[in-house]
Amino acid sequence: MAEQGILYIVPTPIGNLGDITERAIKTLTEVAAIAAEDTRHTRKLMQHYGIQNEVFALHEHNETQRADAVIERLQQGDSLALVSDAGTPLINDPGYVLVHRCHQQGLNVIALPGACAVTVALSAAGLPTDRFAFEGFLPAKPQQRRAKLEQLQSETRTVVVYESPHRILHTLADMDITLGKERNVVLARELTKQFETYLSGNAAELLQRLTDDKNQQRGEMVLLIAPLQPEIEAHTGPGEATKRTLLLLLDELPLKKAAALTAKIHDERKNRLYQWALENKNSQ
């Protein structure tokens, strides 16, 4: 019986071609074949580094169907590499189905370290990195996107999301509505490329900068949302009149709705009231 092959998870550059590792090049050269999200894109990378190897497509639309065939090759002794168009496979890219099935079958999976837009953006954004939440792309539909941002407004970790150029203005506008003026947001754009840019401010300020300079609306984008700091909110607290209104509304309405109405009545921040109510309503 042939020795089983290994599935290698191989990161590729997110922009600057110099960011591929020697180990990645060696692995892509020596495996029996490469499973690629987009074979045309991967062949350009291979051509740049003089890698000659078999390439076949494995992407979100065919992964479930092709996983069994890939596992069969691994079981027969072929070692294979999995790559996405850019960055680390499975981080908002295809590959989960295949890797999960490999583990079910007892096959060896080895991940190589390398480029990833999430970690690059976190490293240079100037926001806390001890704890963070990666949410991939926000929903494309406005109502669903705002609902997701409502869920994230009380997040006490730095939040990282991807966004596309044609939705960036809409997303920033929704962030302004849901997160308010005191929450810092960082836009990391064109990472590792010639026009790499980091813009920092609240969502309204970033929206204005992008509206004034359409060049800032181009390219690959990562948005990072500063964490809510509940200890500061709890320390300052809302005023007594605001508290009375909120507590009265809580007798009749859900917390989220009561906080939103109280914020309108007293010109307060909804996030602040929501957090205060969570910590204090049972003790009143």
C-alpha atoms as a PDB file:
ATOM      1  CA  MET A   1       0.000   0.000   0.000  1.00  0.00           C
ATOM      2  CA  ALA A   2       1.405   3.389  -1.040  1.00  0.00           C
ATOM      3  CA  GLU A   3       2.289   5.908   1.631  1.00  0.00           C
ATOM      4  CA  GLN A   4      -0.355   8.625   1.862  1.00  0.00           C
ATOM      5  CA  GLY A   5       0.401  12.048   0.486  1.00  0.00           C
ATOM      6  CA  ILE A   6       0.255  15.381   2.331  1.00  0.00           C
ATOM      7  CA  LEU A   7      -2.003  18.345   1.617  1.00  0.00           C
ATOM      8  CA  TYR A   8       0.025  21.547   1.900  1.00  0.00           C
ATOM      9  CA  ILE A   9      -1.773  24.852   2.522  1.00  0.00           C
ATOM     10  CA  VAL A  10       0.409  27.398   0.728  1.00  0.00           C
ATOM     11  CA  PRO A  11      -0.025  31.186   1.131  1.00  0.00           C
ATOM     12  CA  THR A  12       0.703  33.384  -1.886  1.00  0.00           C
ATOM     13  CA  PRO A  13       1.438  37.145  -2.045  1.00  0.00           C
ATOM     14  CA  ILE A  14      -1.423  39.582  -1.483  1.00  0.00           C
ATOM     15  CA  GLY A  15       0.233  42.151  -3.746  1.00  0.00           C
ATOM     16  CA  ASN A  16       4.007  42.315  -3.632  1.00  0.00           C
ATOM     17  CA  LEU A  17       5.348  39.214  -5.379  1.00  0.00           C
ATOM     18  CA  GLY A  18       8.448  39.331  -3.198  1.00  0.00           C
ATOM     19  CA  ASP A  19       6.382  38.240  -0.203  1.00  0.00           C
ATOM     20  CA  ILE A  20       6.310  34.561  -1.140  1.00  0.00           C
ATOM     21  CA  THR A  21       8.588  32.363   0.975  1.00  0.00           C
ATOM     22  CA  GLU A  22      11.352  30.048  -0.236  1.00  0.00           C
ATOM     23  CA  ARG A  23       9.503  27.164   1.382  1.00  0.00           C
ATOM     24  CA  ALA A  24       6.327  28.004  -0.548  1.00  0.00           C
ATOM     25  CA  ILE A  25       8.193  28.042  -3.876  1.00  0.00           C
ATOM     26  CA  LYS A  26       9.887  24.725  -3.040  1.00  0.00           C
ATOM     27  CA  THR A  27       6.572  23.144  -2.052  1.00  0.00           C
ATOM     28  CA  LEU A  28       4.747  24.318  -5.181  1.00  0.00           C
ATOM     29  CA  THR A  29       7.591  22.914  -7.277  1.00  0.00           C
ATOM     30  CA  GLU A  30       7.794  19.511  -5.601  1.00  0.00           C
ATOM     31  CA  VAL A  31       4.144  18.515  -5.052  1.00  0.00           C
ATOM     32  CA  ALA A  32       2.390  16.307  -7.592  1.00  0.00           C
ATOM     33  CA  ALA A  33      -0.141  19.040  -8.431  1.00  0.00           C
ATOM     34  CA  ILE A  34      -1.569  22.360  -7.266  1.00  0.00           C
ATOM     35  CA  ALA A  35      -5.239  22.975  -6.456  1.00  0.00           C
ATOM     36  CA  ALA A  36      -5.921  26.623  -7.283  1.00  0.00           C
ATOM     37  CA  GLU A  37      -8.866  28.949  -6.740  1.00  0.00           C
ATOM     38  CA  ASP A  38      -8.235  30.446 -10.205  1.00  0.00           C
ATOM     39  CA  THR A  39      -5.846  28.482 -12.428  1.00  0.00           C
ATOM     40  CA  ARG A  40      -5.147  31.452 -14.696  1.00  0.00           C
ATOM     41  CA  HIS A  41      -4.136  33.633 -11.759  1.00  0.00           C
ATOM     42  CA  THR A  42      -1.958  30.922 -10.237  1.00  0.00           C
ATOM     43  CA  ARG A  43      -0.231  30.139 -13.539  1.00  0.00           C
ATOM     44  CA  LYS A  44       0.910  33.767 -13.750  1.00  0.00           C
ATOM     45  CA  LEU A  45       2.506  33.433 -10.314  1.00  0.00           C
ATOM     46  CA  MET A  46       4.104  30.126 -11.300  1.00  0.00           C
ATOM     47  CA  GLN A  47       5.462  31.641 -14.503  1.00  0.00           C
ATOM     48  CA  HIS A  48       7.008  34.492 -12.523  1.00  0.00           C
ATOM     49  CA  TYR A  49       8.934  32.007 -10.365  1.00  0.00           C
ATOM     50  CA  GLY A  50       9.614  29.425 -13.054  1.00  0.00           C
ATOM     51  CA  ILE A  51       7.419  26.767 -11.434  1.00  0.00           C
ATOM     52  CA  GLN A  52       6.266  24.067 -13.830  1.00  0.00           C
ATOM     53  CA  ASN A  53       3.598  21.823 -12.410  1.00  0.00           C
ATOM     54  CA  GLU A  54       0.088  20.510 -12.911  1.00  0.00           C
ATOM     55  CA  VAL A  55      -2.651  22.933 -11.858  1.00  0.00           C
ATOM     56  CA  PHE A  56      -6.348  22.185 -11.439  1.00  0.00           C
ATOM     57  CA  ALA A  57      -9.274  24.310 -10.261  1.00  0.00           C
ATOM     58  CA  LEU A  58     -10.698  24.049  -6.767  1.00  0.00           C
ATOM     59  CA  HIS A  59     -12.965  26.927  -5.806  1.00  0.00           C
ATOM     60  CA  GLU A  60     -16.153  27.671  -3.890  1.00  0.00           C
ATOM     61  CA  HIS A  61     -18.393  26.415  -6.710  1.00  0.00           C
ATOM     62  CA  ASN A  62     -16.761  23.006  -7.189  1.00  0.00           C
ATOM     63  CA  GLU A  63     -14.983  22.261  -3.905  1.00  0.00           C
ATOM     64  CA  THR A  64     -17.652  19.933  -2.554  1.00  0.00           C
ATOM     65  CA  GLN A  65     -17.709  17.905  -5.774  1.00  0.00           C
ATOM     66  CA  ARG A  66     -13.917  17.761  -6.266  1.00  0.00           C
ATOM     67  CA  ALA A  67     -12.895  17.099  -2.665  1.00  0.00           C
ATOM     68  CA  ASP A  68     -13.348  13.335  -2.974  1.00  0.00           C
ATOM     69  CA  ALA A  69     -11.126  13.163  -6.066  1.00  0.00           C
ATOM     70  CA  VAL A  70      -8.424  15.191  -4.285  1.00  0.00           C
ATOM     71  CA  ILE A  71      -8.608  12.916  -1.228  1.00  0.00           C
ATOM     72  CA  GLU A  72      -8.295   9.866  -3.481  1.00  0.00           C
ATOM     73  CA  ARG A  73      -5.064  11.252  -4.954  1.00  0.00           C
ATOM     74  CA  LEU A  74      -3.725  11.914  -1.461  1.00  0.00           C
ATOM     75  CA  GLN A  75      -4.625   8.391  -0.360  1.00  0.00           C
ATOM     76  CA  GLN A  76      -2.768   7.010  -3.388  1.00  0.00           C
ATOM     77  CA  GLY A  77       0.397   8.832  -2.355  1.00  0.00           C
ATOM     78  CA  ASP A  78       0.304  12.157  -4.220  1.00  0.00           C
ATOM     79  CA  SER A  79       1.173  15.209  -2.147  1.00  0.00           C
ATOM     80  CA  LEU A  80      -0.792  18.265  -3.262  1.00  0.00           C
ATOM     81  CA  ALA A  81      -0.745  22.013  -2.605  1.00  0.00           C
ATOM     82  CA  LEU A  82      -3.775  24.229  -2.066  1.00  0.00           C
ATOM     83  CA  VAL A  83      -3.525  27.912  -2.994  1.00  0.00           C
ATOM     84  CA  SER A  84      -6.005  30.775  -3.256  1.00  0.00           C
ATOM     85  CA  ASP A  85      -5.758  33.839  -5.490  1.00  0.00           C
ATOM     86  CA  ALA A  86      -3.910  35.796  -2.793  1.00  0.00           C
ATOM     87  CA  GLY A  87      -2.980  35.332   0.832  1.00  0.00           C
ATOM     88  CA  THR A  88      -3.618  32.313   3.036  1.00  0.00           C
ATOM     89  CA  PRO A  89      -6.148  29.706   1.850  1.00  0.00           C
ATOM     90  CA  LEU A  90      -9.287  29.231   3.987  1.00  0.00           C
ATOM     91  CA  ILE A  91      -9.057  32.786   5.404  1.00  0.00           C
ATOM     92  CA  ASN A  92     -12.200  33.983   3.632  1.00  0.00           C
ATOM     93  CA  ASP A  93     -11.175  31.738   0.734  1.00  0.00           C
ATOM     94  CA  PRO A  94     -12.078  28.175  -0.337  1.00  0.00           C
ATOM     95  CA  GLY A  95     -10.544  25.109   1.268  1.00  0.00           C
ATOM     96  CA  TYR A  96     -12.520  24.368   4.433  1.00  0.00           C
ATOM     97  CA  VAL A  97     -14.499  21.487   2.897  1.00  0.00           C
ATOM     98  CA  LEU A  98     -11.346  19.807   1.613  1.00  0.00           C
ATOM     99  CA  VAL A  99      -9.319  20.263   4.812  1.00  0.00           C
ATOM    100  CA  HIS A 100     -12.229  19.086   6.967  1.00  0.00           C
ATOM    101  CA  ARG A 101     -12.599  15.918   4.898  1.00  0.00           C
ATOM    102  CA  CYS A 102      -8.859  15.309   5.004  1.00  0.00           C
ATOM    103  CA  HIS A 103      -8.988  15.295   8.794  1.00  0.00           C
ATOM    104  CA  GLN A 104     -11.986  12.958   8.714  1.00  0.00           C
ATOM    105  CA  GLN A 105      -9.960  10.560   6.547  1.00  0.00           C
ATOM    106  CA  GLY A 106      -6.874  10.794   8.741  1.00  0.00           C
ATOM    107  CA  LEU A 107      -4.814  12.532   6.062  1.00  0.00           C
ATOM    108  CA  ASN A 108      -1.949  14.832   6.989  1.00  0.00           C
ATOM    109  CA  VAL A 109      -2.496  18.576   6.426  1.00  0.00           C
ATOM    110  CA  ILE A 110       0.449  20.972   6.755  1.00  0.00           C
ATOM    111  CA  ALA A 111      -0.043  24.738   6.637  1.00  0.00           C
ATOM    112  CA  LEU A 112       2.824  27.013   5.622  1.00  0.00           C
ATOM    113  CA  PRO A 113       3.026  30.496   7.192  1.00  0.00           C
ATOM    114  CA  GLY A 114       2.796  33.452   4.878  1.00  0.00           C
ATOM    115  CA  ALA A 115       0.964  36.519   3.636  1.00  0.00           C
ATOM    116  CA  CYS A 116      -2.511  37.351   4.996  1.00  0.00           C
ATOM    117  CA  ALA A 117      -4.279  40.701   4.665  1.00  0.00           C
ATOM    118  CA  VAL A 118      -5.870  40.330   8.114  1.00  0.00           C
ATOM    119  CA  THR A 119      -2.599  40.152  10.010  1.00  0.00           C
ATOM    120  CA  VAL A 120      -0.871  42.738   7.825  1.00  0.00           C
ATOM    121  CA  ALA A 121      -3.649  45.260   8.458  1.00  0.00           C
ATOM    122  CA  LEU A 122      -3.756  44.549  12.191  1.00  0.00           C
ATOM    123  CA  SER A 123       0.000  45.016  12.502  1.00  0.00           C
ATOM    124  CA  ALA A 124       0.012  48.570  11.133  1.00  0.00           C
ATOM    125  CA  ALA A 125      -3.473  49.953  11.904  1.00  0.00           C
ATOM    126  CA  GLY A 126      -2.659  51.250  15.375  1.00  0.00           C
ATOM    127  CA  LEU A 127      -5.592  49.462  17.035  1.00  0.00           C
ATOM    128  CA  PRO A 128      -5.463  46.861  19.840  1.00  0.00           C
ATOM    129  CA  THR A 129      -4.339  43.459  18.569  1.00  0.00           C
ATOM    130  CA  ASP A 130      -4.393  41.345  21.722  1.00  0.00           C
ATOM    131  CA  ARG A 131      -7.950  40.296  20.834  1.00  0.00           C
ATOM    132  CA  PHE A 132      -9.685  40.645  17.494  1.00  0.00           C
ATOM    133  CA  ALA A 133     -12.640  39.284  15.507  1.00  0.00           C
ATOM    134  CA  PHE A 134     -12.452  38.626  11.763  1.00  0.00           C
ATOM    135  CA  GLU A 135     -15.832  38.821  10.017  1.00  0.00           C
ATOM    136  CA  GLY A 136     -14.863  38.376   6.358  1.00  0.00           C
ATOM    137  CA  PHE A 137     -17.028  40.457   4.010  1.00  0.00           C
ATOM    138  CA  LEU A 138     -20.032  42.285   5.429  1.00  0.00           C
ATOM    139  CA  PRO A 139     -23.371  41.437   3.761  1.00  0.00           C
ATOM    140  CA  ALA A 140     -23.877  43.105   0.385  1.00  0.00           C
ATOM    141  CA  LYS A 141     -27.533  44.019   0.973  1.00  0.00           C
ATOM    142  CA  PRO A 142     -27.942  47.287   2.936  1.00  0.00           C
ATOM    143  CA  GLN A 143     -30.487  46.051   5.493  1.00  0.00           C
ATOM    144  CA  GLN A 144     -28.464  42.941   6.304  1.00  0.00           C
ATOM    145  CA  ARG A 145     -25.231  44.937   6.443  1.00  0.00           C
ATOM    146  CA  ARG A 146     -26.680  47.420   8.937  1.00  0.00           C
ATOM    147  CA  ALA A 147     -28.062  44.564  11.021  1.00  0.00           C
ATOM    148  CA  LYS A 148     -24.602  42.989  11.132  1.00  0.00           C
ATOM    149  CA  LEU A 149     -23.005  46.284  12.148  1.00  0.00           C
ATOM    150  CA  GLU A 150     -25.632  46.630  14.896  1.00  0.00           C
ATOM    151  CA  GLN A 151     -24.433  43.283  16.231  1.00  0.00           C
ATOM    152  CA  LEU A 152     -20.810  44.439  16.097  1.00  0.00           C
ATOM    153  CA  GLN A 153     -21.337  47.813  17.775  1.00  0.00           C
ATOM    154  CA  SER A 154     -20.899  46.357  21.274  1.00  0.00           C
ATOM    155  CA  GLU A 155     -17.853  44.260  20.310  1.00  0.00           C
ATOM    156  CA  THR A 156     -14.991  44.769  22.771  1.00  0.00           C
ATOM    157  CA  ARG A 157     -12.398  43.319  20.360  1.00  0.00           C
ATOM    158  CA  THR A 158     -10.953  44.990  17.283  1.00  0.00           C
ATOM    159  CA  VAL A 159     -13.134  43.935  14.341  1.00  0.00           C
ATOM    160  CA  VAL A 160     -11.598  43.227  10.927  1.00  0.00           C
ATOM    161  CA  VAL A 161     -13.680  43.041   7.740  1.00  0.00           C
ATOM    162  CA  TYR A 162     -12.984  42.986   4.032  1.00  0.00           C
ATOM    163  CA  GLU A 163     -14.792  45.364   1.683  1.00  0.00           C
ATOM    164  CA  SER A 164     -14.993  45.931  -2.067  1.00  0.00           C
ATOM    165  CA  PRO A 165     -14.451  49.298  -3.786  1.00  0.00           C
ATOM    166  CA  HIS A 166     -17.994  49.523  -5.152  1.00  0.00           C
ATOM    167  CA  ARG A 167     -19.498  49.143  -1.669  1.00  0.00           C
ATOM    168  CA  ILE A 168     -17.017  51.060   0.466  1.00  0.00           C
ATOM    169  CA  LEU A 169     -18.959  54.359   0.550  1.00  0.00           C
ATOM    170  CA  HIS A 170     -22.205  52.609   1.476  1.00  0.00           C
ATOM    171  CA  THR A 171     -20.483  50.620   4.198  1.00  0.00           C
ATOM    172  CA  LEU A 172     -18.857  53.693   5.720  1.00  0.00           C
ATOM    173  CA  ALA A 173     -22.225  55.476   5.672  1.00  0.00           C
ATOM    174  CA  ASP A 174     -23.796  52.535   7.510  1.00  0.00           C
ATOM    175  CA  MET A 175     -20.906  52.494   9.992  1.00  0.00           C
ATOM    176  CA  ASP A 176     -21.498  56.177  10.694  1.00  0.00           C
ATOM    177  CA  ILE A 177     -25.136  55.438  11.536  1.00  0.00           C
ATOM    178  CA  THR A 178     -24.505  52.345  13.653  1.00  0.00           C
ATOM    179  CA  LEU A 179     -21.150  53.081  15.300  1.00  0.00           C
ATOM    180  CA  GLY A 180     -21.411  56.835  15.814  1.00  0.00           C
ATOM    181  CA  LYS A 181     -18.812  59.580  15.765  1.00  0.00           C
ATOM    182  CA  GLU A 182     -16.647  58.398  18.667  1.00  0.00           C
ATOM    183  CA  ARG A 183     -15.708  54.965  17.300  1.00  0.00           C
ATOM    184  CA  ASN A 184     -12.404  54.902  15.406  1.00  0.00           C
ATOM    185  CA  VAL A 185     -12.222  53.109  12.059  1.00  0.00           C
ATOM    186  CA  VAL A 186      -9.121  52.368   9.981  1.00  0.00           C
ATOM    187  CA  LEU A 187      -9.173  51.754   6.235  1.00  0.00           C
ATOM    188  CA  ALA A 188      -6.172  49.722   5.062  1.00  0.00           C
ATOM    189  CA  ARG A 189      -5.991  49.823   1.267  1.00  0.00           C
ATOM    190  CA  GLU A 190      -3.802  48.149  -1.377  1.00  0.00           C
ATOM    191  CA  LEU A 191      -1.673  46.371   1.223  1.00  0.00           C
ATOM    192  CA  THR A 192       1.925  45.581   0.157  1.00  0.00           C
ATOM    193  CA  LYS A 193       1.347  47.356  -3.165  1.00  0.00           C
ATOM    194  CA  GLN A 194       2.669  50.663  -4.536  1.00  0.00           C
ATOM    195  CA  PHE A 195      -0.243  52.759  -3.261  1.00  0.00           C
ATOM    196  CA  GLU A 196      -0.618  51.142   0.170  1.00  0.00           C
ATOM    197  CA  THR A 197      -2.584  53.514   2.391  1.00  0.00           C
ATOM    198  CA  TYR A 198      -3.880  53.624   5.967  1.00  0.00           C
ATOM    199  CA  LEU A 199      -6.643  56.134   6.732  1.00  0.00           C
ATOM    200  CA  SER A 200      -7.870  56.608  10.294  1.00  0.00           C
ATOM    201  CA  GLY A 201     -10.827  58.479  11.804  1.00  0.00           C
ATOM    202  CA  ASN A 202     -14.485  57.939  12.538  1.00  0.00           C
ATOM    203  CA  ALA A 203     -16.663  56.538   9.754  1.00  0.00           C
ATOM    204  CA  ALA A 204     -18.009  59.960   8.762  1.00  0.00           C
ATOM    205  CA  GLU A 205     -14.496  61.375   8.421  1.00  0.00           C
ATOM    206  CA  LEU A 206     -13.353  58.449   6.279  1.00  0.00           C
ATOM    207  CA  LEU A 207     -16.474  58.728   4.148  1.00  0.00           C
ATOM    208  CA  GLN A 208     -15.692  62.400   3.500  1.00  0.00           C
ATOM    209  CA  ARG A 209     -12.056  61.665   2.608  1.00  0.00           C
ATOM    210  CA  LEU A 210     -13.040  58.972   0.131  1.00  0.00           C
ATOM    211  CA  THR A 211     -15.745  61.172  -1.361  1.00  0.00           C
ATOM    212  CA  ASP A 212     -13.229  63.990  -1.850  1.00  0.00           C
ATOM    213  CA  ASP A 213     -10.526  61.705  -3.291  1.00  0.00           C
ATOM    214  CA  LYS A 214     -11.903  59.010  -5.589  1.00  0.00           C
ATOM    215  CA  ASN A 215      -8.461  57.392  -5.823  1.00  0.00           C
ATOM    216  CA  GLN A 216      -8.984  56.229  -2.237  1.00  0.00           C
ATOM    217  CA  GLN A 217     -12.009  54.242  -3.409  1.00  0.00           C
ATOM    218  CA  ARG A 218      -9.872  51.880  -5.488  1.00  0.00           C
ATOM    219  CA  GLY A 219      -8.163  48.584  -4.784  1.00  0.00           C
ATOM    220  CA  GLU A 220      -8.347  45.825  -2.187  1.00  0.00           C
ATOM    221  CA  MET A 221      -9.633  47.031   1.173  1.00  0.00           C
ATOM    222  CA  VAL A 222      -9.581  46.003   4.822  1.00  0.00           C
ATOM    223  CA  LEU A 223     -11.657  47.884   7.406  1.00  0.00           C
ATOM    224  CA  LEU A 224     -10.802  47.720  11.098  1.00  0.00           C
ATOM    225  CA  ILE A 225     -13.185  48.906  13.818  1.00  0.00           C
ATOM    226  CA  ALA A 226     -11.785  49.944  17.184  1.00  0.00           C
ATOM    227  CA  PRO A 227     -13.170  47.985  20.146  1.00  0.00           C
ATOM    228  CA  LEU A 228     -15.832  49.419  22.383  1.00  0.00           C
ATOM    229  CA  GLN A 229     -14.388  50.307  25.771  1.00  0.00           C
ATOM    230  CA  PRO A 230     -17.166  49.418  28.219  1.00  0.00           C
ATOM    231  CA  GLU A 231     -15.113  50.290  31.285  1.00  0.00           C
ATOM    232  CA  ILE A 232     -14.960  53.923  30.124  1.00  0.00           C
ATOM    233  CA  GLU A 233     -18.646  53.983  29.265  1.00  0.00           C
ATOM    234  CA  ALA A 234     -19.587  52.523  32.639  1.00  0.00           C
ATOM    235  CA  HIS A 235     -17.393  54.989  34.499  1.00  0.00           C
ATOM    236  CA  THR A 236     -18.849  58.111  32.912  1.00  0.00           C
ATOM    237  CA  GLY A 237     -22.419  56.820  32.697  1.00  0.00           C
ATOM    238  CA  PRO A 238     -25.495  58.645  31.376  1.00  0.00           C
ATOM    239  CA  GLY A 239     -27.181  61.467  33.283  1.00  0.00           C
ATOM    240  CA  GLU A 240     -29.921  60.869  35.834  1.00  0.00           C
ATOM    241  CA  ALA A 241     -32.729  62.048  33.530  1.00  0.00           C
ATOM    242  CA  THR A 242     -31.459  59.786  30.774  1.00  0.00           C
ATOM    243  CA  LYS A 243     -31.323  56.832  33.172  1.00  0.00           C
ATOM    244  CA  ARG A 244     -34.927  57.410  34.290  1.00  0.00           C
ATOM    245  CA  THR A 245     -36.151  57.524  30.686  1.00  0.00           C
ATOM    246  CA  LEU A 246     -34.258  54.398  29.762  1.00  0.00           C
ATOM    247  CA  LEU A 247     -35.492  52.438  32.772  1.00  0.00           C
ATOM    248  CA  LEU A 248     -39.098  53.466  32.097  1.00  0.00           C
ATOM    249  CA  LEU A 249     -38.843  52.378  28.460  1.00  0.00           C
ATOM    250  CA  LEU A 250     -37.266  49.092  29.476  1.00  0.00           C
ATOM    251  CA  ASP A 251     -40.505  48.214  31.260  1.00  0.00           C
ATOM    252  CA  GLU A 252     -42.289  48.224  27.894  1.00  0.00           C
ATOM    253  CA  LEU A 253     -39.637  47.664  25.204  1.00  0.00           C
ATOM    254  CA  PRO A 254     -36.707  45.395  24.367  1.00  0.00           C
ATOM    255  CA  LEU A 255     -33.319  46.716  25.441  1.00  0.00           C
ATOM    256  CA  LYS A 256     -32.129  47.576  21.943  1.00  0.00           C
ATOM    257  CA  LYS A 257     -35.261  49.579  21.118  1.00  0.00           C
ATOM    258  CA  ALA A 258     -35.336  51.303  24.510  1.00  0.00           C
ATOM    259  CA  ALA A 259     -31.716  52.395  24.152  1.00  0.00           C
ATOM    260  CA  ALA A 260     -32.333  53.714  20.634  1.00  0.00           C
ATOM    261  CA  LEU A 261     -35.374  55.791  21.689  1.00  0.00           C
ATOM    262  CA  THR A 262     -33.658  57.141  24.791  1.00  0.00           C
ATOM    263  CA  ALA A 263     -30.679  58.149  22.678  1.00  0.00           C
ATOM    264  CA  LYS A 264     -32.964  60.185  20.406  1.00  0.00           C
ATOM    265  CA  ILE A 265     -34.799  61.843  23.293  1.00  0.00           C
ATOM    266  CA  HIS A 266     -31.670  62.878  25.194  1.00  0.00           C
ATOM    267  CA  ASP A 267     -29.218  63.218  22.299  1.00  0.00           C
ATOM    268  CA  GLU A 268     -27.054  60.467  23.742  1.00  0.00           C
ATOM    269  CA  ARG A 269     -25.034  57.666  22.162  1.00  0.00           C
ATOM    270  CA  LYS A 270     -27.066  54.510  21.704  1.00  0.00           C
ATOM    271  CA  ASN A 271     -24.045  52.267  22.340  1.00  0.00           C
ATOM    272  CA  ARG A 272     -23.381  54.009  25.646  1.00  0.00           C
ATOM    273  CA  LEU A 273     -26.954  53.559  26.841  1.00  0.00           C
ATOM    274  CA  TYR A 274     -27.112  49.958  25.668  1.00  0.00           C
ATOM    275  CA  GLN A 275     -23.951  49.086  27.581  1.00  0.00           C
ATOM    276  CA  TRP A 276     -25.079  50.919  30.733  1.00  0.00           C
ATOM    277  CA  ALA A 277     -28.440  49.147  30.679  1.00  0.00           C
ATOM    278  CA  LEU A 278     -26.792  45.746  30.292  1.00  0.00           C
ATOM    279  CA  GLU A 279     -24.698  46.348  33.390  1.00  0.00           C
ATOM    280  CA  ASN A 280     -27.223  48.185  35.564  1.00  0.00           C
ATOM    281  CA  LYS A 281     -30.861  47.417  34.733  1.00  0.00           C
ATOM    282  CA  ASN A 282     -31.110  44.450  37.112  1.00  0.00           C
ATOM    283  CA  SER A 283     -29.720  46.451  40.008  1.00  0.00           C
ATOM    284  CA  GLN A 284     -32.131  49.379  39.719  1.00  0.00           C
END
